[in-house]
Amino acid sequence: MPLSSRTGGFTLIEVLMALAIVSIALAAIVRASSLTITNLGLLEQQSLAMLSAENRLAELRIGQGPSVPGVVRSDCPQGGVRLVCRLETSAAAIDGLRTVTVEVYLAEDGGRRLASLQTRAGEGR
């Protein structure tokens, strides 16, 4: 009586190899999604920082900002994120104008600049 041949199915080695391939693919997917989430958080912070910088320049245009040259630091929270705005006013090369630069930093980070805007404004404003 001859021995019966294998009827089909997978060997243990084949199953283990398939599981190893699937685990490597899943690890790559988790890593990619983690990077995406990190980038989204940074983009949100930069967008909020740009809004804060635009708000500071708008306040300056309506006459609520400093009119003398110098540097002023102030809190400028936006959307629940603690931000610090640095407003630098200096004389421009053209008489009657001044250069205004707004830089926005994370309050907790201690120095990472998220946004920077610069404009020219009249001396009277």
PDB file of N, CA and C in Angstrom:
ATOM      1  N   MET A   1       0.846  -1.153   0.000  1.00  0.00           N
ATOM      2  CA  MET A   1       0.000   0.000   0.000  1.00  0.00           C
ATOM      3  C   MET A   1       0.903   1.230   0.000  1.00  0.00           C
ATOM      4  N   PRO A   2       0.741   2.085  -0.996  1.00  0.00           N
ATOM      5  CA  PRO A   2       1.577   3.270  -1.082  1.00  0.00           C
ATOM      6  C   PRO A   2       1.177   4.310  -0.042  1.00  0.00           C
ATOM      7  N   LEU A   3       2.182   5.113   0.361  1.00  0.00           N
ATOM      8  CA  LEU A   3       1.906   6.200   1.308  1.00  0.00           C
ATOM      9  C   LEU A   3       1.101   7.278   0.600  1.00  0.00           C
ATOM     10  N   SER A   4       0.179   7.865   1.333  1.00  0.00           N
ATOM     11  CA  SER A   4      -0.646   8.911   0.703  1.00  0.00           C
ATOM     12  C   SER A   4       0.163  10.193   0.570  1.00  0.00           C
ATOM     13  N   SER A   5       0.006  10.847  -0.531  1.00  0.00           N
ATOM     14  CA  SER A   5       0.724  12.109  -0.753  1.00  0.00           C
ATOM     15  C   SER A   5      -0.007  13.249  -0.047  1.00  0.00           C
ATOM     16  N   ARG A   6       0.703  14.331   0.107  1.00  0.00           N
ATOM     17  CA  ARG A   6       0.093  15.506   0.755  1.00  0.00           C
ATOM     18  C   ARG A   6      -1.061  16.005  -0.089  1.00  0.00           C
ATOM     19  N   THR A   7      -2.134  16.353   0.549  1.00  0.00           N
ATOM     20  CA  THR A   7      -3.291  16.816  -0.199  1.00  0.00           C
ATOM     21  C   THR A   7      -3.280  18.311  -0.412  1.00  0.00           C
ATOM     22  N   GLY A   8      -2.582  19.073   0.333  1.00  0.00           N
ATOM     23  CA  GLY A   8      -2.536  20.522   0.142  1.00  0.00           C
ATOM     24  C   GLY A   8      -2.409  21.227   1.473  1.00  0.00           C
ATOM     25  N   GLY A   9      -2.306  22.540   1.410  1.00  0.00           N
ATOM     26  CA  GLY A   9      -2.146  23.330   2.610  1.00  0.00           C
ATOM     27  C   GLY A   9      -0.771  23.965   2.664  1.00  0.00           C
ATOM     28  N   PHE A  10      -0.527  24.676   3.736  1.00  0.00           N
ATOM     29  CA  PHE A  10       0.731  25.396   3.897  1.00  0.00           C
ATOM     30  C   PHE A  10       1.569  24.732   4.972  1.00  0.00           C
ATOM     31  N   THR A  11       2.853  24.794   4.785  1.00  0.00           N
ATOM     32  CA  THR A  11       3.748  24.270   5.812  1.00  0.00           C
ATOM     33  C   THR A  11       3.949  25.339   6.881  1.00  0.00           C
ATOM     34  N   LEU A  12       4.495  24.927   7.979  1.00  0.00           N
ATOM     35  CA  LEU A  12       4.744  25.856   9.085  1.00  0.00           C
ATOM     36  C   LEU A  12       5.704  26.962   8.661  1.00  0.00           C
ATOM     37  N   ILE A  13       6.716  26.644   7.885  1.00  0.00           N
ATOM     38  CA  ILE A  13       7.683  27.646   7.411  1.00  0.00           C
ATOM     39  C   ILE A  13       6.986  28.685   6.538  1.00  0.00           C
ATOM     40  N   GLU A  14       6.099  28.253   5.675  1.00  0.00           N
ATOM     41  CA  GLU A  14       5.381  29.193   4.801  1.00  0.00           C
ATOM     42  C   GLU A  14       4.507  30.141   5.618  1.00  0.00           C
ATOM     43  N   VAL A  15       3.848  29.620   6.618  1.00  0.00           N
ATOM     44  CA  VAL A  15       2.996  30.457   7.473  1.00  0.00           C
ATOM     45  C   VAL A  15       3.846  31.458   8.250  1.00  0.00           C
ATOM     46  N   LEU A  16       4.973  31.023   8.792  1.00  0.00           N
ATOM     47  CA  LEU A  16       5.851  31.927   9.537  1.00  0.00           C
ATOM     48  C   LEU A  16       6.418  33.021   8.636  1.00  0.00           C
ATOM     49  N   MET A  17       6.791  32.683   7.419  1.00  0.00           N
ATOM     50  CA  MET A  17       7.295  33.691   6.477  1.00  0.00           C
ATOM     51  C   MET A  17       6.209  34.714   6.140  1.00  0.00           C
ATOM     52  N   ALA A  18       4.992  34.250   5.938  1.00  0.00           N
ATOM     53  CA  ALA A  18       3.886  35.166   5.640  1.00  0.00           C
ATOM     54  C   ALA A  18       3.636  36.109   6.817  1.00  0.00           C
ATOM     55  N   LEU A  19       3.683  35.580   8.031  1.00  0.00           N
ATOM     56  CA  LEU A  19       3.496  36.421   9.216  1.00  0.00           C
ATOM     57  C   LEU A  19       4.620  37.437   9.361  1.00  0.00           C
ATOM     58  N   ALA A  20       5.838  37.057   9.053  1.00  0.00           N
ATOM     59  CA  ALA A  20       6.963  37.995   9.126  1.00  0.00           C
ATOM     60  C   ALA A  20       6.788  39.127   8.119  1.00  0.00           C
ATOM     61  N   ILE A  21       6.366  38.799   6.909  1.00  0.00           N
ATOM     62  CA  ILE A  21       6.154  39.827   5.878  1.00  0.00           C
ATOM     63  C   ILE A  21       5.034  40.772   6.289  1.00  0.00           C
ATOM     64  N   VAL A  22       3.942  40.232   6.807  1.00  0.00           N
ATOM     65  CA  VAL A  22       2.818  41.066   7.240  1.00  0.00           C
ATOM     66  C   VAL A  22       3.236  41.971   8.400  1.00  0.00           C
ATOM     67  N   SER A  23       4.020  41.454   9.343  1.00  0.00           N
ATOM     68  CA  SER A  23       4.434  42.283  10.485  1.00  0.00           C
ATOM     69  C   SER A  23       5.355  43.418  10.042  1.00  0.00           C
ATOM     70  N   ILE A  24       6.233  43.174   9.079  1.00  0.00           N
ATOM     71  CA  ILE A  24       7.100  44.242   8.563  1.00  0.00           C
ATOM     72  C   ILE A  24       6.271  45.311   7.862  1.00  0.00           C
ATOM     73  N   ALA A  25       5.278  44.884   7.084  1.00  0.00           N
ATOM     74  CA  ALA A  25       4.413  45.847   6.391  1.00  0.00           C
ATOM     75  C   ALA A  25       3.613  46.680   7.390  1.00  0.00           C
ATOM     76  N   LEU A  26       3.093  46.045   8.430  1.00  0.00           N
ATOM     77  CA  LEU A  26       2.331  46.783   9.442  1.00  0.00           C
ATOM     78  C   LEU A  26       3.213  47.771  10.201  1.00  0.00           C
ATOM     79  N   ALA A  27       4.437  47.392  10.489  1.00  0.00           N
ATOM     80  CA  ALA A  27       5.359  48.314  11.166  1.00  0.00           C
ATOM     81  C   ALA A  27       5.635  49.535  10.296  1.00  0.00           C
ATOM     82  N   ALA A  28       5.777  49.336   8.992  1.00  0.00           N
ATOM     83  CA  ALA A  28       6.003  50.466   8.083  1.00  0.00           C
ATOM     84  C   ALA A  28       4.785  51.377   8.029  1.00  0.00           C
ATOM     85  N   ILE A  29       3.598  50.804   8.048  1.00  0.00           N
ATOM     86  CA  ILE A  29       2.369  51.608   8.023  1.00  0.00           C
ATOM     87  C   ILE A  29       2.243  52.432   9.302  1.00  0.00           C
ATOM     88  N   VAL A  30       2.534  51.828  10.446  1.00  0.00           N
ATOM     89  CA  VAL A  30       2.469  52.557  11.721  1.00  0.00           C
ATOM     90  C   VAL A  30       3.475  53.697  11.735  1.00  0.00           C
ATOM     91  N   ARG A  31       4.662  53.466  11.234  1.00  0.00           N
ATOM     92  CA  ARG A  31       5.698  54.517  11.182  1.00  0.00           C
ATOM     93  C   ARG A  31       5.255  55.669  10.285  1.00  0.00           C
ATOM     94  N   ALA A  32       4.697  55.350   9.123  1.00  0.00           N
ATOM     95  CA  ALA A  32       4.242  56.398   8.198  1.00  0.00           C
ATOM     96  C   ALA A  32       3.109  57.212   8.806  1.00  0.00           C
ATOM     97  N   SER A  33       2.171  56.557   9.476  1.00  0.00           N
ATOM     98  CA  SER A  33       1.070  57.304  10.084  1.00  0.00           C
ATOM     99  C   SER A  33       1.563  58.159  11.251  1.00  0.00           C
ATOM    100  N   SER A  34       2.556  57.687  11.983  1.00  0.00           N
ATOM    101  CA  SER A  34       3.132  58.476  13.070  1.00  0.00           C
ATOM    102  C   SER A  34       3.791  59.746  12.541  1.00  0.00           C
ATOM    103  N   LEU A  35       4.541  59.630  11.449  1.00  0.00           N
ATOM    104  CA  LEU A  35       5.168  60.810  10.844  1.00  0.00           C
ATOM    105  C   LEU A  35       4.121  61.790  10.335  1.00  0.00           C
ATOM    106  N   THR A  36       3.044  61.281   9.766  1.00  0.00           N
ATOM    107  CA  THR A  36       1.977  62.144   9.266  1.00  0.00           C
ATOM    108  C   THR A  36       1.333  62.924  10.404  1.00  0.00           C
ATOM    109  N   ILE A  37       1.082  62.265  11.511  1.00  0.00           N
ATOM    110  CA  ILE A  37       0.479  62.939  12.663  1.00  0.00           C
ATOM    111  C   ILE A  37       1.414  64.011  13.210  1.00  0.00           C
ATOM    112  N   THR A  38       2.702  63.713  13.284  1.00  0.00           N
ATOM    113  CA  THR A  38       3.683  64.694  13.759  1.00  0.00           C
ATOM    114  C   THR A  38       3.714  65.914  12.844  1.00  0.00           C
ATOM    115  N   ASN A  39       3.715  65.686  11.539  1.00  0.00           N
ATOM    116  CA  ASN A  39       3.734  66.795  10.583  1.00  0.00           C
ATOM    117  C   ASN A  39       2.469  67.630  10.660  1.00  0.00           C
ATOM    118  N   LEU A  40       1.327  66.994  10.886  1.00  0.00           N
ATOM    119  CA  LEU A  40       0.081  67.748  11.007  1.00  0.00           C
ATOM    120  C   LEU A  40       0.112  68.666  12.225  1.00  0.00           C
ATOM    121  N   GLY A  41       0.680  68.191  13.323  1.00  0.00           N
ATOM    122  CA  GLY A  41       0.798  69.030  14.515  1.00  0.00           C
ATOM    123  C   GLY A  41       1.680  70.241  14.265  1.00  0.00           C
ATOM    124  N   LEU A  42       2.785  70.042  13.572  1.00  0.00           N
ATOM    125  CA  LEU A  42       3.689  71.152  13.255  1.00  0.00           C
ATOM    126  C   LEU A  42       3.022  72.148  12.310  1.00  0.00           C
ATOM    127  N   LEU A  43       2.307  71.649  11.315  1.00  0.00           N
ATOM    128  CA  LEU A  43       1.600  72.545  10.388  1.00  0.00           C
ATOM    129  C   LEU A  43       0.531  73.361  11.106  1.00  0.00           C
ATOM    130  N   GLU A  44      -0.154  72.736  12.064  1.00  0.00           N
ATOM    131  CA  GLU A  44      -1.160  73.465  12.836  1.00  0.00           C
ATOM    132  C   GLU A  44      -0.504  74.592  13.638  1.00  0.00           C
ATOM    133  N   GLN A  45       0.620  74.297  14.285  1.00  0.00           N
ATOM    134  CA  GLN A  45       1.317  75.322  15.061  1.00  0.00           C
ATOM    135  C   GLN A  45       1.793  76.460  14.166  1.00  0.00           C
ATOM    136  N   GLN A  46       2.328  76.139  12.995  1.00  0.00           N
ATOM    137  CA  GLN A  46       2.811  77.178  12.086  1.00  0.00           C
ATOM    138  C   GLN A  46       1.661  78.028  11.556  1.00  0.00           C
ATOM    139  N   SER A  47       0.524  77.410  11.277  1.00  0.00           N
ATOM    140  CA  SER A  47      -0.640  78.173  10.810  1.00  0.00           C
ATOM    141  C   SER A  47      -1.139  79.125  11.889  1.00  0.00           C
ATOM    142  N   LEU A  48      -1.209  78.638  13.117  1.00  0.00           N
ATOM    143  CA  LEU A  48      -1.645  79.498  14.219  1.00  0.00           C
ATOM    144  C   LEU A  48      -0.638  80.615  14.478  1.00  0.00           C
ATOM    145  N   ALA A  49       0.646  80.328  14.332  1.00  0.00           N
ATOM    146  CA  ALA A  49       1.672  81.357  14.508  1.00  0.00           C
ATOM    147  C   ALA A  49       1.551  82.426  13.427  1.00  0.00           C
ATOM    148  N   MET A  50       1.269  82.029  12.201  1.00  0.00           N
ATOM    149  CA  MET A  50       1.097  83.004  11.122  1.00  0.00           C
ATOM    150  C   MET A  50      -0.127  83.884  11.384  1.00  0.00           C
ATOM    151  N   LEU A  51      -1.194  83.302  11.906  1.00  0.00           N
ATOM    152  CA  LEU A  51      -2.367  84.104  12.277  1.00  0.00           C
ATOM    153  C   LEU A  51      -2.013  85.126  13.354  1.00  0.00           C
ATOM    154  N   SER A  52      -1.230  84.723  14.342  1.00  0.00           N
ATOM    155  CA  SER A  52      -0.816  85.651  15.399  1.00  0.00           C
ATOM    156  C   SER A  52       0.031  86.783  14.836  1.00  0.00           C
ATOM    157  N   ALA A  53       0.944  86.466  13.924  1.00  0.00           N
ATOM    158  CA  ALA A  53       1.784  87.499  13.312  1.00  0.00           C
ATOM    159  C   ALA A  53       0.929  88.473  12.505  1.00  0.00           C
ATOM    160  N   GLU A  54      -0.015  87.949  11.737  1.00  0.00           N
ATOM    161  CA  GLU A  54      -0.899  88.822  10.963  1.00  0.00           C
ATOM    162  C   GLU A  54      -1.747  89.696  11.881  1.00  0.00           C
ATOM    163  N   ASN A  55      -2.196  89.141  13.007  1.00  0.00           N
ATOM    164  CA  ASN A  55      -2.973  89.925  13.970  1.00  0.00           C
ATOM    165  C   ASN A  55      -2.147  91.072  14.542  1.00  0.00           C
ATOM    166  N   ARG A  56      -0.876  90.810  14.879  1.00  0.00           N
ATOM    167  CA  ARG A  56      -0.011  91.870  15.421  1.00  0.00           C
ATOM    168  C   ARG A  56       0.174  92.990  14.401  1.00  0.00           C
ATOM    169  N   LEU A  57       0.386  92.630  13.139  1.00  0.00           N
ATOM    170  CA  LEU A  57       0.546  93.665  12.107  1.00  0.00           C
ATOM    171  C   LEU A  57      -0.755  94.428  11.895  1.00  0.00           C
ATOM    172  N   ALA A  58      -1.893  93.752  11.978  1.00  0.00           N
ATOM    173  CA  ALA A  58      -3.180  94.438  11.845  1.00  0.00           C
ATOM    174  C   ALA A  58      -3.392  95.412  13.002  1.00  0.00           C
ATOM    175  N   GLU A  59      -3.019  95.003  14.222  1.00  0.00           N
ATOM    176  CA  GLU A  59      -3.115  95.903  15.371  1.00  0.00           C
ATOM    177  C   GLU A  59      -2.229  97.123  15.176  1.00  0.00           C
ATOM    178  N   LEU A  60      -1.063  96.923  14.611  1.00  0.00           N
ATOM    179  CA  LEU A  60      -0.145  98.030  14.346  1.00  0.00           C
ATOM    180  C   LEU A  60      -0.757  99.003  13.337  1.00  0.00           C
ATOM    181  N   ARG A  61      -1.389  98.460  12.300  1.00  0.00           N
ATOM    182  CA  ARG A  61      -1.992  99.308  11.261  1.00  0.00           C
ATOM    183  C   ARG A  61      -3.128 100.176  11.800  1.00  0.00           C
ATOM    184  N   ILE A  62      -3.855  99.657  12.790  1.00  0.00           N
ATOM    185  CA  ILE A  62      -4.955 100.458  13.331  1.00  0.00           C
ATOM    186  C   ILE A  62      -4.515 101.306  14.518  1.00  0.00           C
ATOM    187  N   GLY A  63      -3.217 101.362  14.745  1.00  0.00           N
ATOM    188  CA  GLY A  63      -2.687 102.289  15.736  1.00  0.00           C
ATOM    189  C   GLY A  63      -2.542 101.746  17.132  1.00  0.00           C
ATOM    190  N   GLN A  64      -2.534 100.439  17.311  1.00  0.00           N
ATOM    191  CA  GLN A  64      -2.407  99.877  18.652  1.00  0.00           C
ATOM    192  C   GLN A  64      -1.019  99.319  18.930  1.00  0.00           C
ATOM    193  N   GLY A  65      -0.077  99.608  18.062  1.00  0.00           N
ATOM    194  CA  GLY A  65       1.270  99.071  18.246  1.00  0.00           C
ATOM    195  C   GLY A  65       2.255 100.162  18.601  1.00  0.00           C
ATOM    196  N   PRO A  66       3.488  99.794  18.873  1.00  0.00           N
ATOM    197  CA  PRO A  66       4.509 100.789  19.218  1.00  0.00           C
ATOM    198  C   PRO A  66       4.870 101.647  18.012  1.00  0.00           C
ATOM    199  N   SER A  67       5.069 102.932  18.246  1.00  0.00           N
ATOM    200  CA  SER A  67       5.419 103.838  17.150  1.00  0.00           C
ATOM    201  C   SER A  67       6.884 104.259  17.209  1.00  0.00           C
ATOM    202  N   VAL A  68       7.601 103.808  18.219  1.00  0.00           N
ATOM    203  CA  VAL A  68       9.022 104.149  18.340  1.00  0.00           C
ATOM    204  C   VAL A  68       9.859 102.903  18.046  1.00  0.00           C
ATOM    205  N   PRO A  69      11.076 103.100  17.519  1.00  0.00           N
ATOM    206  CA  PRO A  69      11.927 101.939  17.244  1.00  0.00           C
ATOM    207  C   PRO A  69      12.257 101.168  18.518  1.00  0.00           C
ATOM    208  N   GLY A  70      12.333  99.864  18.390  1.00  0.00           N
ATOM    209  CA  GLY A  70      12.665  99.013  19.526  1.00  0.00           C
ATOM    210  C   GLY A  70      12.104  97.616  19.347  1.00  0.00           C
ATOM    211  N   VAL A  71      12.275  96.820  20.391  1.00  0.00           N
ATOM    212  CA  VAL A  71      11.806  95.431  20.377  1.00  0.00           C
ATOM    213  C   VAL A  71      10.827  95.237  21.526  1.00  0.00           C
ATOM    214  N   VAL A  72       9.678  94.645  21.225  1.00  0.00           N
ATOM    215  CA  VAL A  72       8.658  94.374  22.236  1.00  0.00           C
ATOM    216  C   VAL A  72       8.288  92.894  22.149  1.00  0.00           C
ATOM    217  N   ARG A  73       8.310  92.223  23.299  1.00  0.00           N
ATOM    218  CA  ARG A  73       7.865  90.823  23.362  1.00  0.00           C
ATOM    219  C   ARG A  73       6.546  90.773  24.117  1.00  0.00           C
ATOM    220  N   SER A  74       5.634  89.945  23.624  1.00  0.00           N
ATOM    221  CA  SER A  74       4.351  89.796  24.307  1.00  0.00           C
ATOM    222  C   SER A  74       3.768  88.425  23.997  1.00  0.00           C
ATOM    223  N   ASP A  75       2.896  87.975  24.892  1.00  0.00           N
ATOM    224  CA  ASP A  75       2.190  86.722  24.642  1.00  0.00           C
ATOM    225  C   ASP A  75       1.156  86.950  23.552  1.00  0.00           C
ATOM    226  N   CYS A  76       1.009  85.987  22.674  1.00  0.00           N
ATOM    227  CA  CYS A  76       0.004  86.085  21.612  1.00  0.00           C
ATOM    228  C   CYS A  76      -0.595  84.702  21.362  1.00  0.00           C
ATOM    229  N   PRO A  77      -1.340  84.181  22.354  1.00  0.00           N
ATOM    230  CA  PRO A  77      -1.906  82.834  22.201  1.00  0.00           C
ATOM    231  C   PRO A  77      -2.903  82.784  21.049  1.00  0.00           C
ATOM    232  N   GLN A  78      -2.996  81.627  20.459  1.00  0.00           N
ATOM    233  CA  GLN A  78      -3.889  81.449  19.319  1.00  0.00           C
ATOM    234  C   GLN A  78      -4.355  79.995  19.311  1.00  0.00           C
ATOM    235  N   GLY A  79      -5.647  79.786  19.311  1.00  0.00           N
ATOM    236  CA  GLY A  79      -6.183  78.433  19.201  1.00  0.00           C
ATOM    237  C   GLY A  79      -5.731  77.481  20.288  1.00  0.00           C
ATOM    238  N   GLY A  80      -5.538  77.979  21.488  1.00  0.00           N
ATOM    239  CA  GLY A  80      -5.115  77.119  22.583  1.00  0.00           C
ATOM    240  C   GLY A  80      -3.625  76.833  22.629  1.00  0.00           C
ATOM    241  N   VAL A  81      -2.855  77.427  21.716  1.00  0.00           N
ATOM    242  CA  VAL A  81      -1.402  77.231  21.692  1.00  0.00           C
ATOM    243  C   VAL A  81      -0.747  78.469  22.285  1.00  0.00           C
ATOM    244  N   ARG A  82       0.153  78.274  23.252  1.00  0.00           N
ATOM    245  CA  ARG A  82       0.859  79.398  23.877  1.00  0.00           C
ATOM    246  C   ARG A  82       1.983  79.849  22.959  1.00  0.00           C
ATOM    247  N   LEU A  83       1.869  81.076  22.460  1.00  0.00           N
ATOM    248  CA  LEU A  83       2.860  81.645  21.551  1.00  0.00           C
ATOM    249  C   LEU A  83       3.392  82.948  22.123  1.00  0.00           C
ATOM    250  N   VAL A  84       4.597  83.318  21.708  1.00  0.00           N
ATOM    251  CA  VAL A  84       5.211  84.591  22.088  1.00  0.00           C
ATOM    252  C   VAL A  84       5.542  85.339  20.805  1.00  0.00           C
ATOM    253  N   CYS A  85       5.083  86.608  20.738  1.00  0.00           N
ATOM    254  CA  CYS A  85       5.365  87.442  19.572  1.00  0.00           C
ATOM    255  C   CYS A  85       6.493  88.416  19.906  1.00  0.00           C
ATOM    256  N   ARG A  86       7.398  88.571  18.972  1.00  0.00           N
ATOM    257  CA  ARG A  86       8.503  89.535  19.093  1.00  0.00           C
ATOM    258  C   ARG A  86       8.310  90.558  17.984  1.00  0.00           C
ATOM    259  N   LEU A  87       8.004  91.781  18.363  1.00  0.00           N
ATOM    260  CA  LEU A  87       7.746  92.867  17.414  1.00  0.00           C
ATOM    261  C   LEU A  87       8.945  93.804  17.420  1.00  0.00           C
ATOM    262  N   GLU A  88       9.633  93.893  16.290  1.00  0.00           N
ATOM    263  CA  GLU A  88      10.808  94.756  16.169  1.00  0.00           C
ATOM    264  C   GLU A  88      10.494  95.881  15.193  1.00  0.00           C
ATOM    265  N   THR A  89      10.645  97.106  15.673  1.00  0.00           N
ATOM    266  CA  THR A  89      10.402  98.286  14.853  1.00  0.00           C
ATOM    267  C   THR A  89      11.720  99.026  14.675  1.00  0.00           C
ATOM    268  N   SER A  90      12.043  99.358  13.423  1.00  0.00           N
ATOM    269  CA  SER A  90      13.281 100.090  13.146  1.00  0.00           C
ATOM    270  C   SER A  90      13.030 101.084  12.026  1.00  0.00           C
ATOM    271  N   ALA A  91      13.881 102.107  11.964  1.00  0.00           N
ATOM    272  CA  ALA A  91      13.747 103.120  10.919  1.00  0.00           C
ATOM    273  C   ALA A  91      14.116 102.508   9.575  1.00  0.00           C
ATOM    274  N   ALA A  92      13.351 102.858   8.541  1.00  0.00           N
ATOM    275  CA  ALA A  92      13.630 102.364   7.188  1.00  0.00           C
ATOM    276  C   ALA A  92      14.529 103.354   6.467  1.00  0.00           C
ATOM    277  N   ALA A  93      15.035 102.948   5.323  1.00  0.00           N
ATOM    278  CA  ALA A  93      15.920 103.813   4.535  1.00  0.00           C
ATOM    279  C   ALA A  93      15.171 105.012   3.958  1.00  0.00           C
ATOM    280  N   ILE A  94      13.870 104.886   3.817  1.00  0.00           N
ATOM    281  CA  ILE A  94      13.050 105.970   3.266  1.00  0.00           C
ATOM    282  C   ILE A  94      12.472 106.773   4.425  1.00  0.00           C
ATOM    283  N   ASP A  95      12.613 108.100   4.362  1.00  0.00           N
ATOM    284  CA  ASP A  95      12.075 108.952   5.425  1.00  0.00           C
ATOM    285  C   ASP A  95      10.565 108.766   5.535  1.00  0.00           C
ATOM    286  N   GLY A  96      10.092 108.757   6.757  1.00  0.00           N
ATOM    287  CA  GLY A  96       8.664 108.637   7.005  1.00  0.00           C
ATOM    288  C   GLY A  96       8.177 107.195   7.089  1.00  0.00           C
ATOM    289  N   LEU A  97       9.045 106.258   6.860  1.00  0.00           N
ATOM    290  CA  LEU A  97       8.666 104.844   6.956  1.00  0.00           C
ATOM    291  C   LEU A  97       9.496 104.147   8.021  1.00  0.00           C
ATOM    292  N   ARG A  98       8.955 103.087   8.533  1.00  0.00           N
ATOM    293  CA  ARG A  98       9.702 102.242   9.454  1.00  0.00           C
ATOM    294  C   ARG A  98       9.465 100.783   9.078  1.00  0.00           C
ATOM    295  N   THR A  99      10.430  99.965   9.391  1.00  0.00           N
ATOM    296  CA  THR A  99      10.330  98.532   9.120  1.00  0.00           C
ATOM    297  C   THR A  99       9.832  97.836  10.375  1.00  0.00           C
ATOM    298  N   VAL A 100       8.810  97.021  10.215  1.00  0.00           N
ATOM    299  CA  VAL A 100       8.241  96.285  11.338  1.00  0.00           C
ATOM    300  C   VAL A 100       8.351  94.791  11.029  1.00  0.00           C
ATOM    301  N   THR A 101       8.983  94.065  11.947  1.00  0.00           N
ATOM    302  CA  THR A 101       9.132  92.616  11.804  1.00  0.00           C
ATOM    303  C   THR A 101       8.461  91.939  12.987  1.00  0.00           C
ATOM    304  N   VAL A 102       7.614  90.967  12.694  1.00  0.00           N
ATOM    305  CA  VAL A 102       6.962  90.177  13.738  1.00  0.00           C
ATOM    306  C   VAL A 102       7.455  88.743  13.608  1.00  0.00           C
ATOM    307  N   GLU A 103       7.997  88.221  14.696  1.00  0.00           N
ATOM    308  CA  GLU A 103       8.416  86.822  14.751  1.00  0.00           C
ATOM    309  C   GLU A 103       7.627  86.141  15.858  1.00  0.00           C
ATOM    310  N   VAL A 104       7.160  84.941  15.584  1.00  0.00           N
ATOM    311  CA  VAL A 104       6.339  84.210  16.549  1.00  0.00           C
ATOM    312  C   VAL A 104       7.055  82.917  16.936  1.00  0.00           C
ATOM    313  N   TYR A 105       7.130  82.697  18.252  1.00  0.00           N
ATOM    314  CA  TYR A 105       7.813  81.527  18.808  1.00  0.00           C
ATOM    315  C   TYR A 105       6.849  80.738  19.682  1.00  0.00           C
ATOM    316  N   LEU A 106       7.111  79.450  19.825  1.00  0.00           N
ATOM    317  CA  LEU A 106       6.388  78.649  20.805  1.00  0.00           C
ATOM    318  C   LEU A 106       6.844  79.062  22.196  1.00  0.00           C
ATOM    319  N   ALA A 107       5.911  79.246  23.118  1.00  0.00           N
ATOM    320  CA  ALA A 107       6.276  79.675  24.470  1.00  0.00           C
ATOM    321  C   ALA A 107       7.058  78.583  25.200  1.00  0.00           C
ATOM    322  N   GLU A 108       6.696  77.325  24.985  1.00  0.00           N
ATOM    323  CA  GLU A 108       7.347  76.234  25.707  1.00  0.00           C
ATOM    324  C   GLU A 108       8.692  75.859  25.102  1.00  0.00           C
ATOM    325  N   ASP A 109       8.870  76.110  23.830  1.00  0.00           N
ATOM    326  CA  ASP A 109      10.044  75.592  23.126  1.00  0.00           C
ATOM    327  C   ASP A 109      11.291  76.423  23.383  1.00  0.00           C
ATOM    328  N   GLY A 110      11.134  77.657  23.766  1.00  0.00           N
ATOM    329  CA  GLY A 110      12.274  78.492  24.098  1.00  0.00           C
ATOM    330  C   GLY A 110      13.137  78.888  22.924  1.00  0.00           C
ATOM    331  N   GLY A 111      12.576  79.113  21.777  1.00  0.00           N
ATOM    332  CA  GLY A 111      13.396  79.638  20.705  1.00  0.00           C
ATOM    333  C   GLY A 111      13.092  79.151  19.308  1.00  0.00           C
ATOM    334  N   ARG A 112      12.228  78.182  19.126  1.00  0.00           N
ATOM    335  CA  ARG A 112      11.929  77.720  17.773  1.00  0.00           C
ATOM    336  C   ARG A 112      10.943  78.677  17.109  1.00  0.00           C
ATOM    337  N   ARG A 113      11.413  79.360  16.071  1.00  0.00           N
ATOM    338  CA  ARG A 113      10.562  80.330  15.380  1.00  0.00           C
ATOM    339  C   ARG A 113       9.596  79.583  14.469  1.00  0.00           C
ATOM    340  N   LEU A 114       8.316  79.928  14.586  1.00  0.00           N
ATOM    341  CA  LEU A 114       7.293  79.289  13.769  1.00  0.00           C
ATOM    342  C   LEU A 114       6.864  80.151  12.597  1.00  0.00           C
ATOM    343  N   ALA A 115       6.923  81.481  12.761  1.00  0.00           N
ATOM    344  CA  ALA A 115       6.476  82.373  11.686  1.00  0.00           C
ATOM    345  C   ALA A 115       7.209  83.699  11.786  1.00  0.00           C
ATOM    346  N   SER A 116       7.329  84.368  10.647  1.00  0.00           N
ATOM    347  CA  SER A 116       7.964  85.681  10.596  1.00  0.00           C
ATOM    348  C   SER A 116       7.327  86.483   9.470  1.00  0.00           C
ATOM    349  N   LEU A 117       6.919  87.698   9.778  1.00  0.00           N
ATOM    350  CA  LEU A 117       6.361  88.617   8.781  1.00  0.00           C
ATOM    351  C   LEU A 117       7.061  89.958   8.909  1.00  0.00           C
ATOM    352  N   GLN A 118       7.195  90.654   7.782  1.00  0.00           N
ATOM    353  CA  GLN A 118       7.821  91.974   7.786  1.00  0.00           C
ATOM    354  C   GLN A 118       7.014  92.897   6.889  1.00  0.00           C
ATOM    355  N   THR A 119       6.896  94.155   7.317  1.00  0.00           N
ATOM    356  CA  THR A 119       6.180  95.145   6.524  1.00  0.00           C
ATOM    357  C   THR A 119       6.803  96.514   6.746  1.00  0.00           C
ATOM    358  N   ARG A 120       6.358  97.469   5.984  1.00  0.00           N
ATOM    359  CA  ARG A 120       6.754  98.872   6.161  1.00  0.00           C
ATOM    360  C   ARG A 120       5.506  99.638   6.596  1.00  0.00           C
ATOM    361  N   ALA A 121       5.693 100.558   7.515  1.00  0.00           N
ATOM    362  CA  ALA A 121       4.574 101.341   8.029  1.00  0.00           C
ATOM    363  C   ALA A 121       4.984 102.798   8.101  1.00  0.00           C
ATOM    364  N   GLY A 122       3.993 103.668   8.029  1.00  0.00           N
ATOM    365  CA  GLY A 122       4.254 105.094   8.148  1.00  0.00           C
ATOM    366  C   GLY A 122       4.603 105.466   9.574  1.00  0.00           C
ATOM    367  N   GLU A 123       5.393 106.518   9.730  1.00  0.00           N
ATOM    368  CA  GLU A 123       5.823 106.967  11.068  1.00  0.00           C
ATOM    369  C   GLU A 123       4.647 107.411  11.919  1.00  0.00           C
ATOM    370  N   GLY A 124       3.627 107.947  11.310  1.00  0.00           N
ATOM    371  CA  GLY A 124       2.496 108.478  12.063  1.00  0.00           C
ATOM    372  C   GLY A 124       1.614 107.418  12.662  1.00  0.00           C
ATOM    373  N   ARG A 125       1.772 106.169  12.257  1.00  0.00           N
ATOM    374  CA  ARG A 125       0.887 105.106  12.735  1.00  0.00           C
ATOM    375  C   ARG A 125       1.561 104.240  13.731  1.00  0.00           C
TER     376      ARG A 125
END
